[in-house]
Each structure stands twice: as C-alpha cells, then as structure tokens.
Amino acid sequence: MIPLERALAQVFATLDQVAVAVSGGVDSMTLAHLTHRHHGARARMVHAMSPAVPAEATARVRAHADRYGWALVLIDAGEFADSRYRTNPIDRCYFCKSNLYSRIAGAFAGVILSGTNTDDLGDYRPGLKAADENGVRHPFVEVGMAKSDVRVVARALGLDDVAELPAAPCLASRIETGIHINAADLALADEVERRVRAEFGAADVRCRITAQGVRVELGSEALERLRSPIGGATRAAVEEIVAGLGRAFLGYAPYRRGSAFVRNTSHD
C-alpha cells in the first residue's frame, strides 16, 4: 500500500456504509476502486444516467463494476426535471449536484463520497455548496490530494486506463451560460467530440455551443492535424453533424478551458 492509500485508509476507517458518486472520470473511478477495496459490500457505487453524461463514461463505469465486482446502482438524478438547471445559469452545477446528492441520500444509508480533489477548490464550483448541504465527504481533499496524486494512486492500483483519462466535465459544460440545456445539443457535442477524438486521439477537445453557433476547440497538435488535408473527412463529418441540428458552424479554435462559462449573459 503506497503512502497516499494509507492516508485514505485512515479516512475510510471512520466510515461504515458509503455511497460513492461515480461519474466515470479519473477521480470518481479511482475513489470507487479504493472504497471497494476498503469497504467491500458496504459500499454502493452510484452512477447517474443523464443526457449530460457521455455514453462512454457510463460504459466505463459498467465495465469496471462487472470486472471488479462493485455493487453498482444506476439512477436518474432528475436534473432535467428541474427548470433551474435547464435554464443554465452560472450556478447550474449547484442545481445538478443538489438533485444528484438528494436522490442518493434518499435511496441509500450512510455517507456520500465524491472524488473532488484539492485542484477543484481553486475553481468556481457551486456544486461544492450542494455537497456541503448534503453532508458529502471528499476523501481526496481530506488527505490533501491533487489530481496528479489521484493519477499516481490509480497507476499504483494497476488502473492504467483510468489514470490516463483526460479531464472530462459533464456535457452541459459545453453549452454557453444562459442557453437552455437540451438533450439534442448535448448529443451533438458528444458526437462531435467522439468523432474528433477517435480520429486524432485528442485529449483536449470541446464542442462549444454558443449564442452565435458551434465552435470546436482542440489542443494545438490536434488542431493543426485537423486543419491539414488529412483532416478533411473529419471536418466534413463534423460540419454535417452541426448542420443537421440547424446551428451555424463557427469553425475550429485552440482549446480554452471553461470558455463556455459566461458570468454576465442575457441569452434566452
């Protein structure tokens, strides 16, 4: 057991029954594996099915649950029934997480755990307020682990596929603040990103849906390849997908983290 896991084991020792919110990203997947190792049948892994969750994330959670014997429960967090979430305000994540954690708390006994790490504390994260209101604990934060530390633990556990996962916020983060969230836009963003990632292996690719239209952002190397002659077929496929939804295509641009988040907006 590496030192980081020993520190986490001390946190787990204070817990009995737990429910882990598993999104399918590196943080929550690593936490799910650790919790299963230390709590076994007393741990429930809870994955929310939603148009905002990429299908490949759900498939990853299912595959690991089957392979490692997790007690996995799939739920509908209910955020799409909440108009406060769908209007996509700057604190959209608060309403998303409020729905998620309240559903988990209503269905399972024990403490809810999240994969939040110390890097997350420096961002604007309204979801952390919802976590606090629902008594959610963040083991990685409690022992001072950043995302790089989480990746170290994942590798030590032999979870190489998880350790190398790029950052993957929910699909709703692709929709510019103030534009109503709908399933069709989320599906468009997911399909475009999967096409580009499959062709170029781009870790950083975001399909941004803005008031003006759709913009695809990529890391510099992938962007150069996509703009070159070898990217012609992929560009045509992307632009056909966008046109099929009746949105204007704005082109390709360098990846900018959080560029769809707008603090002041008057979008409908």
C-alpha atoms as a PDB file:
ATOM      1  CA  MET A   1       0.000   0.000   0.000  1.00  0.00           C
ATOM      2  CA  ILE A   2       1.502   3.337  -1.029  1.00  0.00           C
ATOM      3  CA  PRO A   3       1.530   6.287   1.446  1.00  0.00           C
ATOM      4  CA  LEU A   4      -1.364   8.057  -0.270  1.00  0.00           C
ATOM      5  CA  GLU A   5      -3.555   4.992   0.038  1.00  0.00           C
ATOM      6  CA  ARG A   6      -2.559   4.570   3.684  1.00  0.00           C
ATOM      7  CA  ALA A   7      -3.703   8.130   4.363  1.00  0.00           C
ATOM      8  CA  LEU A   8      -7.005   7.399   2.641  1.00  0.00           C
ATOM      9  CA  ALA A   9      -7.381   4.175   4.606  1.00  0.00           C
ATOM     10  CA  GLN A  10      -7.457   6.274   7.777  1.00  0.00           C
ATOM     11  CA  VAL A  11     -10.391   8.237   6.347  1.00  0.00           C
ATOM     12  CA  PHE A  12     -12.205   5.056   5.305  1.00  0.00           C
ATOM     13  CA  ALA A  13     -11.733   3.681   8.813  1.00  0.00           C
ATOM     14  CA  THR A  14     -14.033   6.442  10.109  1.00  0.00           C
ATOM     15  CA  LEU A  15     -16.844   5.352   7.783  1.00  0.00           C
ATOM     16  CA  ASP A  16     -19.295   2.473   7.777  1.00  0.00           C
ATOM     17  CA  GLN A  17     -21.815   2.367   4.926  1.00  0.00           C
ATOM     18  CA  VAL A  18     -20.927   4.618   1.998  1.00  0.00           C
ATOM     19  CA  ALA A  19     -22.310   5.584  -1.390  1.00  0.00           C
ATOM     20  CA  VAL A  20     -19.793   6.836  -3.950  1.00  0.00           C
ATOM     21  CA  ALA A  21     -20.984   9.215  -6.675  1.00  0.00           C
ATOM     22  CA  VAL A  22     -19.207   7.806  -9.747  1.00  0.00           C
ATOM     23  CA  SER A  23     -19.260   9.972 -12.871  1.00  0.00           C
ATOM     24  CA  GLY A  24     -16.796   7.857 -14.867  1.00  0.00           C
ATOM     25  CA  GLY A  25     -13.837  10.245 -14.692  1.00  0.00           C
ATOM     26  CA  VAL A  26     -10.413   9.566 -13.188  1.00  0.00           C
ATOM     27  CA  ASP A  27     -11.230  10.980  -9.745  1.00  0.00           C
ATOM     28  CA  SER A  28     -14.510   9.212  -9.059  1.00  0.00           C
ATOM     29  CA  MET A  29     -13.360   5.961 -10.672  1.00  0.00           C
ATOM     30  CA  THR A  30     -10.216   5.864  -8.536  1.00  0.00           C
ATOM     31  CA  LEU A  31     -12.248   6.629  -5.423  1.00  0.00           C
ATOM     32  CA  ALA A  32     -14.709   3.862  -6.311  1.00  0.00           C
ATOM     33  CA  HIS A  33     -11.895   1.329  -6.567  1.00  0.00           C
ATOM     34  CA  LEU A  34     -10.365   2.428  -3.270  1.00  0.00           C
ATOM     35  CA  THR A  35     -13.709   2.397  -1.479  1.00  0.00           C
ATOM     36  CA  HIS A  36     -14.482  -1.073  -2.811  1.00  0.00           C
ATOM     37  CA  ARG A  37     -11.099  -2.328  -1.596  1.00  0.00           C
ATOM     38  CA  HIS A  38     -11.688  -0.981   1.911  1.00  0.00           C
ATOM     39  CA  HIS A  39     -15.471  -1.383   2.336  1.00  0.00           C
ATOM     40  CA  GLY A  40     -16.461  -4.221   0.036  1.00  0.00           C
ATOM     41  CA  ALA A  41     -20.205  -4.948   0.158  1.00  0.00           C
ATOM     42  CA  ARG A  42     -20.835  -1.965   2.447  1.00  0.00           C
ATOM     43  CA  ALA A  43     -20.026   0.377  -0.436  1.00  0.00           C
ATOM     44  CA  ARG A  44     -22.506   1.315  -3.145  1.00  0.00           C
ATOM     45  CA  MET A  45     -21.274   2.899  -6.376  1.00  0.00           C
ATOM     46  CA  VAL A  46     -23.943   5.225  -7.767  1.00  0.00           C
ATOM     47  CA  HIS A  47     -23.823   6.401 -11.372  1.00  0.00           C
ATOM     48  CA  ALA A  48     -26.313   8.954 -12.690  1.00  0.00           C
ATOM     49  CA  MET A  49     -27.725   8.321 -16.156  1.00  0.00           C
ATOM     50  CA  SER A  50     -28.335  11.605 -17.949  1.00  0.00           C
ATOM     51  CA  PRO A  51     -28.138  13.238 -21.390  1.00  0.00           C
ATOM     52  CA  ALA A  52     -25.267  15.266 -19.888  1.00  0.00           C
ATOM     53  CA  VAL A  53     -23.199  12.133 -19.197  1.00  0.00           C
ATOM     54  CA  PRO A  54     -21.261  10.765 -22.194  1.00  0.00           C
ATOM     55  CA  ALA A  55     -22.216   7.219 -23.138  1.00  0.00           C
ATOM     56  CA  GLU A  56     -18.568   6.162 -22.954  1.00  0.00           C
ATOM     57  CA  ALA A  57     -18.424   7.268 -19.296  1.00  0.00           C
ATOM     58  CA  THR A  58     -21.424   5.084 -18.451  1.00  0.00           C
ATOM     59  CA  ALA A  59     -19.891   2.184 -20.376  1.00  0.00           C
ATOM     60  CA  ARG A  60     -16.634   2.594 -18.437  1.00  0.00           C
ATOM     61  CA  VAL A  61     -18.417   2.526 -15.089  1.00  0.00           C
ATOM     62  CA  ARG A  62     -20.405  -0.574 -16.071  1.00  0.00           C
ATOM     63  CA  ALA A  63     -17.284  -2.366 -17.332  1.00  0.00           C
ATOM     64  CA  HIS A  64     -15.322  -1.737 -14.131  1.00  0.00           C
ATOM     65  CA  ALA A  65     -18.284  -2.717 -11.965  1.00  0.00           C
ATOM     66  CA  ASP A  66     -18.603  -6.014 -13.832  1.00  0.00           C
ATOM     67  CA  ARG A  67     -14.887  -6.737 -13.785  1.00  0.00           C
ATOM     68  CA  TYR A  68     -14.201  -5.828 -10.162  1.00  0.00           C
ATOM     69  CA  GLY A  69     -17.499  -6.789  -8.542  1.00  0.00           C
ATOM     70  CA  TRP A  70     -18.729  -3.392  -7.447  1.00  0.00           C
ATOM     71  CA  ALA A  71     -22.243  -3.016  -6.065  1.00  0.00           C
ATOM     72  CA  LEU A  72     -23.334  -0.585  -8.790  1.00  0.00           C
ATOM     73  CA  VAL A  73     -26.642   1.274  -8.904  1.00  0.00           C
ATOM     74  CA  LEU A  74     -27.732   3.384 -11.882  1.00  0.00           C
ATOM     75  CA  ILE A  75     -30.091   6.262 -11.142  1.00  0.00           C
ATOM     76  CA  ASP A  76     -31.776   9.205 -12.822  1.00  0.00           C
ATOM     77  CA  ALA A  77     -30.586  12.202 -10.820  1.00  0.00           C
ATOM     78  CA  GLY A  78     -33.580  14.180 -12.057  1.00  0.00           C
ATOM     79  CA  GLU A  79     -31.798  17.389 -13.004  1.00  0.00           C
ATOM     80  CA  PHE A  80     -33.593  17.581 -16.362  1.00  0.00           C
ATOM     81  CA  ALA A  81     -36.899  17.882 -14.500  1.00  0.00           C
ATOM     82  CA  ASP A  82     -35.519  20.961 -12.718  1.00  0.00           C
ATOM     83  CA  SER A  83     -36.114  24.174 -14.682  1.00  0.00           C
ATOM     84  CA  ARG A  84     -33.447  25.928 -12.606  1.00  0.00           C
ATOM     85  CA  TYR A  85     -30.865  23.563 -14.093  1.00  0.00           C
ATOM     86  CA  ARG A  86     -32.186  23.685 -17.656  1.00  0.00           C
ATOM     87  CA  THR A  87     -32.047  27.497 -17.849  1.00  0.00           C
ATOM     88  CA  ASN A  88     -28.264  27.119 -17.454  1.00  0.00           C
ATOM     89  CA  PRO A  89     -27.434  29.916 -15.004  1.00  0.00           C
ATOM     90  CA  ILE A  90     -23.885  30.497 -13.765  1.00  0.00           C
ATOM     91  CA  ASP A  91     -24.629  28.226 -10.795  1.00  0.00           C
ATOM     92  CA  ARG A  92     -26.104  25.422 -12.921  1.00  0.00           C
ATOM     93  CA  CYS A  93     -23.805  22.903 -11.216  1.00  0.00           C
ATOM     94  CA  TYR A  94     -25.414  23.690  -7.865  1.00  0.00           C
ATOM     95  CA  PHE A  95     -28.805  22.516  -9.101  1.00  0.00           C
ATOM     96  CA  CYS A  96     -27.303  19.489 -10.828  1.00  0.00           C
ATOM     97  CA  LYS A  97     -25.448  18.338  -7.724  1.00  0.00           C
ATOM     98  CA  SER A  98     -28.362  19.188  -5.421  1.00  0.00           C
ATOM     99  CA  ASN A  99     -30.572  16.838  -7.414  1.00  0.00           C
ATOM    100  CA  LEU A 100     -27.888  14.141  -7.534  1.00  0.00           C
ATOM    101  CA  TYR A 101     -26.976  14.155  -3.855  1.00  0.00           C
ATOM    102  CA  SER A 102     -30.556  14.414  -2.628  1.00  0.00           C
ATOM    103  CA  ARG A 103     -31.505  11.390  -4.790  1.00  0.00           C
ATOM    104  CA  ILE A 104     -28.575   9.400  -3.432  1.00  0.00           C
ATOM    105  CA  ALA A 105     -29.310  10.414   0.167  1.00  0.00           C
ATOM    106  CA  GLY A 106     -32.947   9.420  -0.253  1.00  0.00           C
ATOM    107  CA  ALA A 107     -32.073   5.972  -1.572  1.00  0.00           C
ATOM    108  CA  PHE A 108     -29.035   4.863   0.422  1.00  0.00           C
ATOM    109  CA  ALA A 109     -27.978   4.882   4.040  1.00  0.00           C
ATOM    110  CA  GLY A 110     -24.568   6.124   5.078  1.00  0.00           C
ATOM    111  CA  VAL A 111     -22.220   8.830   3.891  1.00  0.00           C
ATOM    112  CA  ILE A 112     -21.972  10.060   0.305  1.00  0.00           C
ATOM    113  CA  LEU A 113     -18.429  10.316  -1.064  1.00  0.00           C
ATOM    114  CA  SER A 114     -17.231  12.387  -4.013  1.00  0.00           C
ATOM    115  CA  GLY A 115     -13.980  12.385  -5.978  1.00  0.00           C
ATOM    116  CA  THR A 116     -13.333  16.101  -5.532  1.00  0.00           C
ATOM    117  CA  ASN A 117      -9.614  16.832  -5.197  1.00  0.00           C
ATOM    118  CA  THR A 118      -7.709  19.899  -3.982  1.00  0.00           C
ATOM    119  CA  ASP A 119      -7.289  21.275  -7.514  1.00  0.00           C
ATOM    120  CA  ASP A 120     -11.059  21.669  -7.659  1.00  0.00           C
ATOM    121  CA  LEU A 121     -11.084  24.010  -4.677  1.00  0.00           C
ATOM    122  CA  GLY A 122      -9.484  26.840  -6.652  1.00  0.00           C
ATOM    123  CA  ASP A 123     -12.243  26.920  -9.287  1.00  0.00           C
ATOM    124  CA  TYR A 124     -15.742  28.340  -9.167  1.00  0.00           C
ATOM    125  CA  ARG A 125     -17.548  25.178  -8.087  1.00  0.00           C
ATOM    126  CA  PRO A 126     -21.141  25.809  -6.968  1.00  0.00           C
ATOM    127  CA  GLY A 127     -21.581  22.045  -6.800  1.00  0.00           C
ATOM    128  CA  LEU A 128     -19.420  22.063  -3.665  1.00  0.00           C
ATOM    129  CA  LYS A 129     -22.106  24.087  -1.890  1.00  0.00           C
ATOM    130  CA  ALA A 130     -24.644  21.384  -2.752  1.00  0.00           C
ATOM    131  CA  ALA A 131     -22.213  18.775  -1.448  1.00  0.00           C
ATOM    132  CA  ASP A 132     -21.826  20.626   1.839  1.00  0.00           C
ATOM    133  CA  GLU A 133     -25.601  20.913   2.225  1.00  0.00           C
ATOM    134  CA  ASN A 134     -25.928  17.144   1.798  1.00  0.00           C
ATOM    135  CA  GLY A 135     -23.088  16.150   4.108  1.00  0.00           C
ATOM    136  CA  VAL A 136     -20.931  14.807   1.282  1.00  0.00           C
ATOM    137  CA  ARG A 137     -17.337  13.979   2.160  1.00  0.00           C
ATOM    138  CA  HIS A 138     -14.343  14.378  -0.140  1.00  0.00           C
ATOM    139  CA  PRO A 139     -11.632  11.886   0.906  1.00  0.00           C
ATOM    140  CA  PHE A 140      -9.057  13.203  -1.561  1.00  0.00           C
ATOM    141  CA  VAL A 141      -9.449  16.714  -0.168  1.00  0.00           C
ATOM    142  CA  GLU A 142      -9.294  15.419   3.397  1.00  0.00           C
ATOM    143  CA  VAL A 143      -5.821  13.974   2.794  1.00  0.00           C
ATOM    144  CA  GLY A 144      -4.619  16.840   0.559  1.00  0.00           C
ATOM    145  CA  MET A 145      -4.579  15.025  -2.796  1.00  0.00           C
ATOM    146  CA  ALA A 146      -4.463  16.932  -6.097  1.00  0.00           C
ATOM    147  CA  LYS A 147      -5.453  15.382  -9.439  1.00  0.00           C
ATOM    148  CA  SER A 148      -1.835  14.410 -10.116  1.00  0.00           C
ATOM    149  CA  ASP A 149      -1.880  12.464  -6.845  1.00  0.00           C
ATOM    150  CA  VAL A 150      -5.093  10.721  -7.863  1.00  0.00           C
ATOM    151  CA  ARG A 151      -3.398   9.590 -11.067  1.00  0.00           C
ATOM    152  CA  VAL A 152      -0.457   8.248  -9.030  1.00  0.00           C
ATOM    153  CA  VAL A 153      -2.844   6.173  -6.915  1.00  0.00           C
ATOM    154  CA  ALA A 154      -4.704   4.929  -9.993  1.00  0.00           C
ATOM    155  CA  ARG A 155      -1.439   3.713 -11.525  1.00  0.00           C
ATOM    156  CA  ALA A 156      -0.430   2.059  -8.256  1.00  0.00           C
ATOM    157  CA  LEU A 157      -3.733   0.179  -8.317  1.00  0.00           C
ATOM    158  CA  GLY A 158      -2.998  -1.020 -11.863  1.00  0.00           C
ATOM    159  CA  LEU A 159      -5.743   1.158 -13.353  1.00  0.00           C
ATOM    160  CA  ASP A 160      -3.727   2.449 -16.275  1.00  0.00           C
ATOM    161  CA  ASP A 161      -6.812   3.065 -18.415  1.00  0.00           C
ATOM    162  CA  VAL A 162      -8.280   5.248 -15.669  1.00  0.00           C
ATOM    163  CA  ALA A 163      -5.020   7.017 -14.753  1.00  0.00           C
ATOM    164  CA  GLU A 164      -4.610   8.426 -18.253  1.00  0.00           C
ATOM    165  CA  LEU A 165      -8.163   9.698 -18.679  1.00  0.00           C
ATOM    166  CA  PRO A 166      -8.267  13.384 -19.675  1.00  0.00           C
ATOM    167  CA  ALA A 167     -10.352  15.834 -17.688  1.00  0.00           C
ATOM    168  CA  ALA A 168     -13.981  15.307 -18.675  1.00  0.00           C
ATOM    169  CA  PRO A 169     -16.572  17.651 -17.181  1.00  0.00           C
ATOM    170  CA  CYS A 170     -20.214  16.904 -17.979  1.00  0.00           C
ATOM    171  CA  LEU A 171     -21.533  17.710 -21.439  1.00  0.00           C
ATOM    172  CA  ALA A 172     -23.606  20.606 -20.093  1.00  0.00           C
ATOM    173  CA  SER A 173     -20.324  22.498 -19.642  1.00  0.00           C
ATOM    174  CA  ARG A 174     -20.153  22.765 -23.456  1.00  0.00           C
ATOM    175  CA  ILE A 175     -23.289  24.925 -23.543  1.00  0.00           C
ATOM    176  CA  GLU A 176     -22.678  28.634 -23.146  1.00  0.00           C
ATOM    177  CA  THR A 177     -24.098  30.051 -19.938  1.00  0.00           C
ATOM    178  CA  GLY A 178     -27.667  31.277 -20.410  1.00  0.00           C
ATOM    179  CA  ILE A 179     -28.517  28.993 -23.336  1.00  0.00           C
ATOM    180  CA  HIS A 180     -31.159  26.489 -22.254  1.00  0.00           C
ATOM    181  CA  ILE A 181     -29.886  22.937 -21.807  1.00  0.00           C
ATOM    182  CA  ASN A 182     -31.498  20.365 -24.088  1.00  0.00           C
ATOM    183  CA  ALA A 183     -30.689  16.760 -24.910  1.00  0.00           C
ATOM    184  CA  ALA A 184     -30.200  17.397 -28.645  1.00  0.00           C
ATOM    185  CA  ASP A 185     -27.388  19.919 -28.076  1.00  0.00           C
ATOM    186  CA  LEU A 186     -25.690  17.604 -25.588  1.00  0.00           C
ATOM    187  CA  ALA A 187     -25.866  14.714 -28.047  1.00  0.00           C
ATOM    188  CA  LEU A 188     -24.377  16.926 -30.756  1.00  0.00           C
ATOM    189  CA  ALA A 189     -21.449  17.916 -28.540  1.00  0.00           C
ATOM    190  CA  ASP A 190     -20.833  14.302 -27.567  1.00  0.00           C
ATOM    191  CA  GLU A 191     -20.937  13.019 -31.150  1.00  0.00           C
ATOM    192  CA  VAL A 192     -18.596  15.727 -32.464  1.00  0.00           C
ATOM    193  CA  GLU A 193     -16.075  15.159 -29.691  1.00  0.00           C
ATOM    194  CA  ARG A 194     -16.129  11.379 -30.139  1.00  0.00           C
ATOM    195  CA  ARG A 195     -15.530  11.752 -33.894  1.00  0.00           C
ATOM    196  CA  VAL A 196     -12.558  14.065 -33.416  1.00  0.00           C
ATOM    197  CA  ARG A 197     -11.096  12.083 -30.523  1.00  0.00           C
ATOM    198  CA  ALA A 198     -11.361   8.795 -32.401  1.00  0.00           C
ATOM    199  CA  GLU A 199      -9.613  10.226 -35.454  1.00  0.00           C
ATOM    200  CA  PHE A 200      -6.844  12.217 -33.790  1.00  0.00           C
ATOM    201  CA  GLY A 201      -6.629  10.885 -30.226  1.00  0.00           C
ATOM    202  CA  ALA A 202      -7.079  14.415 -28.939  1.00  0.00           C
ATOM    203  CA  ALA A 203      -7.275  14.609 -25.143  1.00  0.00           C
ATOM    204  CA  ASP A 204      -8.475  18.210 -25.139  1.00  0.00           C
ATOM    205  CA  VAL A 205     -11.429  18.556 -27.488  1.00  0.00           C
ATOM    206  CA  ARG A 206     -14.574  20.534 -26.737  1.00  0.00           C
ATOM    207  CA  CYS A 207     -17.601  21.213 -28.913  1.00  0.00           C
ATOM    208  CA  ARG A 208     -18.826  24.601 -27.668  1.00  0.00           C
ATOM    209  CA  ILE A 209     -22.411  25.640 -28.357  1.00  0.00           C
ATOM    210  CA  THR A 210     -22.688  29.412 -28.164  1.00  0.00           C
ATOM    211  CA  ALA A 211     -25.297  32.042 -28.981  1.00  0.00           C
ATOM    212  CA  GLN A 212     -23.546  32.583 -32.334  1.00  0.00           C
ATOM    213  CA  GLY A 213     -23.159  28.928 -33.263  1.00  0.00           C
ATOM    214  CA  VAL A 214     -20.931  25.885 -32.748  1.00  0.00           C
ATOM    215  CA  ARG A 215     -17.163  26.092 -32.289  1.00  0.00           C
ATOM    216  CA  VAL A 216     -14.829  23.119 -31.931  1.00  0.00           C
ATOM    217  CA  GLU A 217     -11.770  23.643 -29.723  1.00  0.00           C
ATOM    218  CA  LEU A 218      -8.712  21.369 -29.699  1.00  0.00           C
ATOM    219  CA  GLY A 219      -5.197  21.190 -28.357  1.00  0.00           C
ATOM    220  CA  SER A 220      -2.574  22.718 -30.669  1.00  0.00           C
ATOM    221  CA  GLU A 221      -1.220  19.487 -32.201  1.00  0.00           C
ATOM    222  CA  ALA A 222      -4.657  18.003 -32.924  1.00  0.00           C
ATOM    223  CA  LEU A 223      -5.888  21.352 -34.239  1.00  0.00           C
ATOM    224  CA  GLU A 224      -3.028  21.519 -36.726  1.00  0.00           C
ATOM    225  CA  ARG A 225      -3.745  17.983 -37.947  1.00  0.00           C
ATOM    226  CA  LEU A 226      -7.473  18.628 -38.225  1.00  0.00           C
ATOM    227  CA  ARG A 227      -6.873  21.743 -40.321  1.00  0.00           C
ATOM    228  CA  SER A 228      -4.458  19.881 -42.602  1.00  0.00           C
ATOM    229  CA  PRO A 229      -5.512  17.847 -45.672  1.00  0.00           C
ATOM    230  CA  ILE A 230      -5.633  14.631 -43.614  1.00  0.00           C
ATOM    231  CA  GLY A 231      -8.414  16.157 -41.518  1.00  0.00           C
ATOM    232  CA  GLY A 232     -10.712  16.792 -44.468  1.00  0.00           C
ATOM    233  CA  ALA A 233     -13.043  13.839 -43.918  1.00  0.00           C
ATOM    234  CA  THR A 234     -13.365  14.555 -40.198  1.00  0.00           C
ATOM    235  CA  ARG A 235     -14.064  18.245 -40.838  1.00  0.00           C
ATOM    236  CA  ALA A 236     -16.798  17.310 -43.301  1.00  0.00           C
ATOM    237  CA  ALA A 237     -18.354  14.885 -40.802  1.00  0.00           C
ATOM    238  CA  VAL A 238     -18.292  17.444 -38.006  1.00  0.00           C
ATOM    239  CA  GLU A 239     -19.855  20.144 -40.141  1.00  0.00           C
ATOM    240  CA  GLU A 240     -22.563  17.744 -41.327  1.00  0.00           C
ATOM    241  CA  ILE A 241     -23.446  16.890 -37.721  1.00  0.00           C
ATOM    242  CA  VAL A 242     -23.726  20.571 -36.810  1.00  0.00           C
ATOM    243  CA  ALA A 243     -25.773  21.415 -39.892  1.00  0.00           C
ATOM    244  CA  GLY A 244     -28.144  18.561 -39.088  1.00  0.00           C
ATOM    245  CA  LEU A 245     -29.171  20.374 -35.919  1.00  0.00           C
ATOM    246  CA  GLY A 246     -29.676  23.650 -37.755  1.00  0.00           C
ATOM    247  CA  ARG A 247     -26.892  25.545 -35.988  1.00  0.00           C
ATOM    248  CA  ALA A 248     -24.256  27.759 -37.572  1.00  0.00           C
ATOM    249  CA  PHE A 249     -20.727  26.371 -37.626  1.00  0.00           C
ATOM    250  CA  LEU A 250     -18.107  28.860 -36.431  1.00  0.00           C
ATOM    251  CA  GLY A 251     -15.013  26.792 -37.191  1.00  0.00           C
ATOM    252  CA  TYR A 252     -12.074  25.435 -35.181  1.00  0.00           C
ATOM    253  CA  ALA A 253     -10.067  27.170 -32.462  1.00  0.00           C
ATOM    254  CA  PRO A 254      -7.430  26.476 -29.795  1.00  0.00           C
ATOM    255  CA  TYR A 255      -8.762  24.791 -26.664  1.00  0.00           C
ATOM    256  CA  ARG A 256      -9.608  27.183 -23.845  1.00  0.00           C
ATOM    257  CA  ARG A 257     -10.658  25.696 -20.536  1.00  0.00           C
ATOM    258  CA  GLY A 258     -14.121  26.808 -19.447  1.00  0.00           C
ATOM    259  CA  SER A 259     -14.684  29.065 -22.449  1.00  0.00           C
ATOM    260  CA  ALA A 260     -18.448  28.383 -22.465  1.00  0.00           C
ATOM    261  CA  PHE A 261     -18.801  29.829 -18.959  1.00  0.00           C
ATOM    262  CA  VAL A 262     -20.025  33.439 -19.119  1.00  0.00           C
ATOM    263  CA  ARG A 263     -20.681  35.268 -15.846  1.00  0.00           C
ATOM    264  CA  ASN A 264     -22.807  38.012 -17.425  1.00  0.00           C
ATOM    265  CA  THR A 265     -25.254  36.868 -20.070  1.00  0.00           C
ATOM    266  CA  SER A 266     -28.650  37.745 -21.456  1.00  0.00           C
ATOM    267  CA  HIS A 267     -29.166  34.630 -23.631  1.00  0.00           C
ATOM    268  CA  ASP A 268     -32.613  33.107 -23.766  1.00  0.00           C
END
